[in-house]
Amino acid sequence: MVRGHIPYAVRDLLNDDYVTMTLLRNPVDRILSYLKHCRRYHTEHQQLSLEQIYEDAWFQASFICNYQTKIFSMTPEEALAEERLIAGATKLPPRRELGNESELSPEVKLLRSRAPGRYSLECFAASTGVIMVDDSRLAAARSNLSELEIVGVTENYDRFLNTLVTKYGWIVRSIPYRHVGESEDISPEFRARIARDNAYDIELYEHAKSLSV
């Protein structure tokens, strides 16, 4: 099994035939959950409000705005690229060298100490921060999504699991609840802003619902 938050393009890089499946989440709910994840696990975000984390330029471009459309529209070349976001920022070595302590420049070590969450993601995350989403990206994402054998949405998770059982013979004994974010009041204004900023993801999500099992 190959799993994780990985670009659809990885399918073309595998030397075998795989059944491909995905679960998409309501974009507003996904982003609010991700902001809570950042606050829980990233030192640089732990004292910030969700709105303040949302303003982090690197995280917003890389993992927040229209992220699902980016993941489904990337080419294999883009998925493997070494491009990084923000001109003039700390110059980083190739990702394969980020774990070599002796070779890191003082500037990179400073970035690691000030923004360990970002640094850890720079080690392996696809370069979604350099992708500009537009109508052609959405069209590519919709087309690629339609190529998957199983498409699900989190609001119908039980139906998704039932398909794995009935169609592919999976045995699902239990469904543990993991990484459940804490309850928090979110202003309607902030929700509306997220929705505006993620119009492409919302459209892709609607397409996923039309394909979902």
Protein backbone atom coordinates (compact mmCIF):
# COMPACT_ATOMS: atom_id res chain seq x y z
CA MET A 1 0.00 0.00 0.00
CA VAL A 2 1.18 3.50 -0.87
CA ARG A 3 -0.62 6.05 1.25
CA GLY A 4 -0.45 9.59 2.57
CA HIS A 5 -0.95 13.17 1.41
CA ILE A 6 0.75 12.55 -1.91
CA PRO A 7 0.13 14.00 -5.38
CA TYR A 8 -2.02 12.05 -7.80
CA ALA A 9 0.95 12.16 -10.22
CA VAL A 10 2.74 9.57 -8.08
CA ARG A 11 0.50 7.00 -9.77
CA ASP A 12 2.52 7.43 -12.97
CA LEU A 13 5.78 6.90 -11.09
CA LEU A 14 4.89 3.48 -9.66
CA ASN A 15 6.11 0.39 -11.48
CA ASP A 16 2.92 -1.59 -11.01
CA ASP A 17 -0.85 -1.36 -11.36
CA TYR A 18 -2.59 -0.12 -8.24
CA VAL A 19 -6.20 0.38 -7.26
CA THR A 20 -6.31 4.09 -6.48
CA MET A 21 -8.64 5.70 -3.99
CA THR A 22 -9.03 8.98 -2.20
CA LEU A 23 -11.12 10.76 0.39
CA LEU A 24 -11.73 14.48 -0.02
CA ARG A 25 -12.88 16.70 2.80
CA ASN A 26 -15.01 19.80 2.82
CA PRO A 27 -12.34 22.47 2.17
CA VAL A 28 -13.39 24.81 4.98
CA ASP A 29 -13.46 21.99 7.52
CA ARG A 30 -10.15 20.63 6.22
CA ILE A 31 -8.42 23.97 6.60
CA LEU A 32 -9.76 24.62 10.09
CA SER A 33 -8.58 21.15 11.10
CA TYR A 34 -5.16 21.79 9.57
CA LEU A 35 -4.80 25.12 11.39
CA LYS A 36 -5.51 23.33 14.67
CA HIS A 37 -2.91 20.72 13.71
CA CYS A 38 -0.35 23.49 13.13
CA ARG A 39 -1.10 25.03 16.52
CA ARG A 40 -0.81 21.65 18.23
CA TYR A 41 2.42 20.45 16.63
CA HIS A 42 4.39 23.43 15.28
CA THR A 43 6.37 25.40 17.83
CA GLU A 44 6.13 28.56 15.74
CA HIS A 45 2.32 28.42 15.78
CA GLN A 46 1.53 27.33 19.32
CA GLN A 47 0.78 30.78 20.70
CA LEU A 48 -1.17 32.02 17.69
CA SER A 49 -4.85 32.17 16.87
CA LEU A 50 -6.16 30.19 13.93
CA GLU A 51 -6.55 33.44 11.99
CA GLN A 52 -2.90 34.32 12.63
CA ILE A 53 -1.70 30.90 11.49
CA TYR A 54 -3.80 31.31 8.35
CA GLU A 55 -1.71 34.39 7.51
CA ASP A 56 1.57 32.42 7.49
CA ALA A 57 2.55 32.88 3.84
CA TRP A 58 4.50 29.64 3.47
CA PHE A 59 1.85 27.42 5.04
CA GLN A 60 -0.99 29.22 3.28
CA ALA A 61 0.56 28.70 -0.15
CA SER A 62 1.86 25.20 0.54
CA PHE A 63 -0.86 23.46 2.55
CA ILE A 64 -3.89 25.70 2.94
CA CYS A 65 -5.27 27.47 -0.12
CA ASN A 66 -6.69 25.17 -2.82
CA TYR A 67 -4.38 22.40 -1.66
CA GLN A 68 -6.58 19.54 -2.86
CA THR A 69 -6.74 21.00 -6.38
CA LYS A 70 -2.95 21.35 -6.39
CA ILE A 71 -2.40 17.76 -5.27
CA PHE A 72 -4.66 16.45 -8.03
CA SER A 73 -3.30 18.68 -10.80
CA MET A 74 0.47 18.39 -10.28
CA THR A 75 2.55 16.70 -12.95
CA PRO A 76 5.16 14.09 -11.99
CA GLU A 77 7.87 16.67 -12.73
CA GLU A 78 6.24 19.18 -10.39
CA ALA A 79 5.81 16.57 -7.67
CA LEU A 80 9.56 15.86 -7.75
CA ALA A 81 10.73 19.45 -8.22
CA GLU A 82 13.04 21.22 -5.80
CA GLU A 83 11.40 24.62 -6.20
CA ARG A 84 10.63 26.53 -3.01
CA LEU A 85 8.27 29.35 -2.18
CA ILE A 86 9.15 33.04 -1.70
CA ALA A 87 11.99 34.65 -3.62
CA GLY A 88 14.76 35.99 -1.41
CA ALA A 89 13.99 33.63 1.47
CA THR A 90 16.57 31.38 3.09
CA LYS A 91 18.31 29.37 0.36
CA LEU A 92 17.76 25.70 1.08
CA PRO A 93 19.83 22.77 -0.18
CA PRO A 94 18.24 19.84 -2.05
CA ARG A 95 15.80 18.01 0.20
CA ARG A 96 17.98 14.91 0.34
CA GLU A 97 20.66 17.01 2.08
CA LEU A 98 18.47 18.65 4.72
CA GLY A 99 19.15 15.88 7.21
CA ASN A 100 22.94 16.34 7.02
CA GLU A 101 23.71 18.47 10.07
CA SER A 102 27.33 19.13 9.16
CA GLU A 103 26.44 20.54 5.74
CA LEU A 104 23.72 22.99 6.81
CA SER A 105 24.49 26.69 6.56
CA PRO A 106 23.99 28.97 9.59
CA GLU A 107 20.97 30.50 7.80
CA VAL A 108 19.31 27.11 7.37
CA LYS A 109 20.00 26.20 11.00
CA LEU A 110 18.38 29.49 12.03
CA LEU A 111 15.31 28.67 9.98
CA ARG A 112 15.16 25.25 11.62
CA SER A 113 15.26 26.75 15.10
CA ARG A 114 12.74 29.51 14.39
CA ALA A 115 10.29 27.49 12.27
CA PRO A 116 10.74 23.77 13.00
CA GLY A 117 7.30 22.93 11.63
CA ARG A 118 8.08 24.44 8.27
CA TYR A 119 11.58 22.97 8.25
CA SER A 120 10.35 19.43 8.82
CA LEU A 121 7.87 19.78 5.96
CA GLU A 122 10.54 21.23 3.66
CA CYS A 123 12.35 17.90 4.02
CA PHE A 124 9.77 15.91 2.09
CA ALA A 125 6.67 17.88 1.09
CA ALA A 126 5.77 18.41 -2.56
CA SER A 127 6.28 21.94 -3.86
CA THR A 128 2.63 22.97 -3.88
CA GLY A 129 3.57 26.47 -2.74
CA VAL A 130 4.89 27.43 -6.18
CA ILE A 131 1.76 26.34 -8.04
CA MET A 132 -0.78 28.96 -9.10
CA VAL A 133 -4.25 27.43 -9.29
CA ASP A 134 -6.42 28.48 -12.22
CA ASP A 135 -9.21 27.09 -14.38
CA SER A 136 -6.83 24.76 -16.24
CA ARG A 137 -5.54 23.36 -12.95
CA LEU A 138 -9.09 22.71 -11.81
CA ALA A 139 -9.90 20.97 -15.10
CA ALA A 140 -6.84 18.74 -14.71
CA ALA A 141 -7.73 17.95 -11.09
CA ARG A 142 -11.31 17.06 -12.04
CA SER A 143 -10.09 14.81 -14.84
CA ASN A 144 -7.55 13.04 -12.63
CA LEU A 145 -10.08 12.60 -9.85
CA SER A 146 -12.42 10.91 -12.31
CA GLU A 147 -9.69 8.36 -13.12
CA LEU A 148 -9.63 6.92 -9.59
CA GLU A 149 -11.30 3.60 -8.87
CA ILE A 150 -12.79 4.83 -5.59
CA VAL A 151 -13.63 8.42 -4.68
CA GLY A 152 -15.09 9.22 -1.30
CA VAL A 153 -15.85 12.24 0.86
CA THR A 154 -15.42 12.28 4.60
CA GLU A 155 -19.07 13.02 5.27
CA ASN A 156 -19.85 9.60 3.74
CA TYR A 157 -16.93 7.74 5.27
CA ASP A 158 -19.03 4.71 6.24
CA ARG A 159 -20.08 4.26 2.61
CA PHE A 160 -16.42 4.50 1.54
CA LEU A 161 -15.44 1.74 3.97
CA ASN A 162 -18.39 -0.40 2.92
CA THR A 163 -17.17 -0.25 -0.69
CA LEU A 164 -13.75 -1.52 0.40
CA VAL A 165 -15.45 -4.41 2.17
CA THR A 166 -17.95 -5.38 -0.53
CA LYS A 167 -15.87 -4.70 -3.65
CA TYR A 168 -12.33 -5.51 -2.53
CA GLY A 169 -12.80 -7.87 0.40
CA TRP A 170 -11.24 -5.68 3.06
CA ILE A 171 -11.93 -6.56 6.69
CA VAL A 172 -12.70 -3.46 8.77
CA ARG A 173 -12.94 -4.49 12.40
CA SER A 174 -13.00 -1.05 14.00
CA ILE A 175 -12.79 2.62 13.10
CA PRO A 176 -10.67 4.47 15.69
CA TYR A 177 -11.08 8.21 15.99
CA ARG A 178 -7.70 9.85 15.69
CA HIS A 179 -6.39 13.41 15.47
CA VAL A 180 -9.77 14.84 16.40
CA GLY A 181 -9.33 18.59 16.84
CA GLU A 182 -10.58 20.41 19.88
CA SER A 183 -13.95 22.11 19.65
CA GLU A 184 -13.64 25.83 19.00
CA ASP A 185 -15.95 28.67 18.03
CA ILE A 186 -15.13 29.88 14.53
CA SER A 187 -16.54 33.18 13.36
CA PRO A 188 -18.82 33.16 10.30
CA GLU A 189 -16.57 35.84 8.79
CA PHE A 190 -13.49 33.63 9.01
CA ARG A 191 -15.35 30.67 7.52
CA ALA A 192 -16.58 32.88 4.68
CA ARG A 193 -13.04 34.12 3.99
CA ILE A 194 -11.71 30.57 3.83
CA ALA A 195 -14.47 29.65 1.40
CA ARG A 196 -13.67 32.62 -0.85
CA ASP A 197 -9.95 31.85 -0.83
CA ASN A 198 -10.59 28.21 -1.70
CA ALA A 199 -13.19 28.46 -4.45
CA TYR A 200 -11.33 25.96 -6.64
CA ASP A 201 -11.15 23.39 -3.86
CA ILE A 202 -14.84 23.83 -3.15
CA GLU A 203 -15.65 23.19 -6.80
CA LEU A 204 -13.40 20.12 -6.82
CA TYR A 205 -15.10 18.88 -3.68
CA GLU A 206 -18.50 19.18 -5.32
CA HIS A 207 -17.16 17.10 -8.21
CA ALA A 208 -15.87 14.52 -5.74
CA LYS A 209 -19.33 14.27 -4.18
CA SER A 210 -20.78 13.51 -7.61
CA LEU A 211 -18.27 10.67 -8.01
CA SER A 212 -18.31 9.38 -4.45
CA VAL A 213 -19.36 5.88 -3.53
